[in-house]
Protein backbone atom coordinates (compact mmCIF):
# COMPACT_ATOMS: atom_id res chain seq x y z
CA MET A 1 126.77 78.49 161.87
CA SER A 2 126.93 74.85 160.84
CA LEU A 3 125.90 73.76 157.38
CA ASN A 4 122.84 72.00 158.79
CA GLU A 5 121.73 75.19 160.55
CA ARG A 6 122.30 77.16 157.34
CA LEU A 7 120.07 74.71 155.46
CA THR A 8 117.31 75.19 158.03
CA GLU A 9 117.56 78.99 157.76
CA ASP A 10 117.56 78.84 153.95
CA MET A 11 114.52 76.55 154.04
CA LYS A 12 112.64 79.07 156.20
CA ALA A 13 113.58 81.86 153.78
CA ALA A 14 112.40 79.77 150.82
CA MET A 15 109.06 79.16 152.57
CA LYS A 16 108.62 82.89 153.07
CA ALA A 17 109.45 83.55 149.41
CA GLY A 18 106.29 81.72 148.38
CA PRO A 19 106.01 80.40 144.81
CA ALA A 20 109.28 82.08 143.83
CA GLY A 21 111.19 79.86 146.26
CA LYS A 22 109.45 76.58 145.38
CA VAL A 23 112.41 74.90 143.62
CA ARG A 24 114.77 75.99 146.40
CA LEU A 25 112.36 74.80 149.09
CA ASP A 26 111.75 71.42 147.43
CA THR A 27 115.48 70.88 146.91
CA ILE A 28 116.37 71.74 150.50
CA ARG A 29 113.56 69.55 151.84
CA PHE A 30 114.81 66.62 149.75
CA LEU A 31 118.35 67.23 150.99
CA LYS A 32 117.21 67.48 154.63
CA ALA A 33 115.40 64.13 154.23
CA ALA A 34 118.57 62.54 152.84
CA LEU A 35 120.56 64.04 155.72
CA LYS A 36 118.08 62.64 158.23
CA ASN A 37 118.46 59.16 156.71
CA VAL A 38 122.26 59.39 156.98
CA GLU A 39 121.95 60.65 160.54
CA ILE A 40 119.75 57.66 161.44
CA ASP A 41 122.20 55.25 159.79
CA LYS A 42 125.13 56.90 161.58
CA LYS A 43 123.22 56.90 164.89
CA GLY A 44 124.45 60.35 165.77
CA PRO A 45 124.59 63.96 164.67
CA LEU A 46 126.25 64.83 161.36
CA THR A 47 129.37 66.93 161.02
CA ASP A 48 129.73 69.55 158.31
CA GLU A 49 131.95 67.07 156.45
CA ASP A 50 129.14 64.48 156.54
CA VAL A 51 126.69 67.07 155.23
CA LEU A 52 129.08 68.01 152.42
CA GLY A 53 129.39 64.35 151.49
CA VAL A 54 125.62 64.03 151.17
CA VAL A 55 125.34 67.27 149.16
CA THR A 56 128.12 66.09 146.84
CA LYS A 57 126.39 62.75 146.36
CA GLN A 58 123.08 64.46 145.58
CA VAL A 59 124.73 66.74 143.01
CA LYS A 60 126.42 63.76 141.35
CA GLN A 61 123.12 61.87 141.17
CA LEU A 62 121.37 64.89 139.69
CA LYS A 63 124.08 65.40 137.07
CA ASP A 64 123.77 61.74 136.07
CA SER A 65 120.00 62.20 135.86
CA ILE A 66 120.41 65.29 133.68
CA GLU A 67 122.41 63.24 131.16
CA GLU A 68 119.70 60.59 131.05
CA PHE A 69 116.90 63.15 130.76
CA GLU A 70 118.66 64.84 127.86
CA LYS A 71 119.17 61.48 126.10
CA ALA A 72 115.43 60.86 126.48
CA ASP A 73 114.67 64.41 125.25
CA ARG A 74 112.93 65.31 128.54
CA THR A 75 113.93 68.97 128.78
CA ASP A 76 111.32 69.62 131.46
CA LEU A 77 112.95 67.17 133.86
CA SER A 78 116.44 68.21 132.78
CA ASP A 79 115.70 71.89 133.52
CA LYS A 80 114.28 71.01 136.94
CA ALA A 81 117.35 68.91 137.81
CA LYS A 82 119.68 71.72 136.62
CA ALA A 83 117.87 74.17 138.92
CA GLU A 84 118.29 71.71 141.81
CA VAL A 85 122.01 71.34 141.08
CA GLU A 86 122.32 75.12 141.13
CA VAL A 87 120.68 75.28 144.58
CA LEU A 88 122.82 72.47 146.00
CA SER A 89 126.04 73.88 144.51
CA GLY A 90 125.61 76.89 146.77
CA TYR A 91 126.37 74.62 149.74
CA LEU A 92 129.54 73.15 148.27
CA PRO A 93 132.99 74.69 148.61
CA THR A 94 134.44 76.38 145.54
CA GLN A 95 135.24 73.73 142.97
CA MET A 96 138.82 73.24 141.84
CA SER A 97 139.65 73.81 138.19
CA ALA A 98 141.12 71.01 136.06
CA ASP A 99 144.47 72.80 136.14
CA GLU A 100 144.45 72.94 139.95
CA VAL A 101 143.61 69.24 140.17
CA ARG A 102 146.32 68.44 137.61
CA GLU A 103 148.94 70.38 139.60
CA LEU A 104 147.95 68.66 142.85
CA ALA A 105 148.03 65.29 141.08
CA ARG A 106 151.55 66.00 139.82
CA GLN A 107 152.67 66.79 143.37
CA ILE A 108 151.19 63.54 144.69
CA VAL A 109 152.70 61.51 141.83
CA ALA A 110 156.10 62.93 142.81
CA GLU A 111 155.47 62.31 146.54
CA VAL A 112 154.52 58.65 146.14
CA GLY A 113 156.93 57.98 143.28
CA ALA A 114 154.25 56.65 140.92
CA GLN A 115 155.66 55.30 137.65
CA GLY A 116 152.75 54.13 135.53
CA PRO A 117 149.12 52.99 135.40
CA LYS A 118 149.73 50.22 137.95
CA ASP A 119 150.43 52.91 140.57
CA MET A 120 147.09 54.63 140.03
CA GLY A 121 145.77 53.50 143.44
CA LYS A 122 148.78 55.03 145.21
CA VAL A 123 147.91 58.40 143.69
CA MET A 124 144.11 58.25 143.82
CA GLY A 125 143.85 57.70 147.59
CA PRO A 126 145.70 60.84 148.68
CA LEU A 127 144.37 62.90 145.76
CA VAL A 128 140.73 62.07 146.47
CA ALA A 129 141.28 62.88 150.15
CA ARG A 130 142.72 66.31 149.29
CA THR A 131 140.07 67.17 146.70
CA LYS A 132 137.05 65.78 148.57
CA GLY A 133 134.01 67.94 147.88
CA ARG A 134 136.05 70.33 145.75
CA ALA A 135 136.52 68.30 142.57
CA ASP A 136 134.48 65.78 140.60
CA GLY A 137 135.75 62.22 141.03
CA LYS A 138 135.51 61.53 137.29
CA LEU A 139 137.74 64.53 136.57
CA VAL A 140 140.27 63.43 139.21
CA GLN A 141 140.38 59.89 137.80
CA GLN A 142 140.72 61.17 134.22
CA ILE A 143 143.64 63.44 135.15
CA VAL A 144 145.47 60.68 137.04
CA LYS A 145 145.06 58.30 134.08
CA GLU A 146 146.37 61.04 131.80
CA LEU A 147 149.43 61.68 134.00
CA LEU A 148 150.31 58.02 134.54
CA GLY A 149 149.79 57.03 130.92
């Protein structure tokens, strides 16, 4: 079953759950709308990788929103966004730990022969490609900066 089909099935289940599934239903509907927009822009059907990219982007936007809501002391909006992140996280692959990202970064640094901060781009390209959807970009960047000094 493709990720898009799974979303449709989960949306149906959330509809049947009634008020208990409202947050899940709203989140999936919002995601499906975003997917439809990407599909229109792409002018073709989405692959599971495309869907994961959209889900990852949505989670990142929500996490940024949570920070802003908490700065503004809007716990109601922060709690809603946290619930949405929880729903969307169920569609993402298992996230890599910082240690796993660090180990992979070390391997890539050795592969490309990176020496210092000026070689950050040489490391980031392959590392981001290998961690796509499984690690936060900020974490990846932070670890590479740490390793390259």
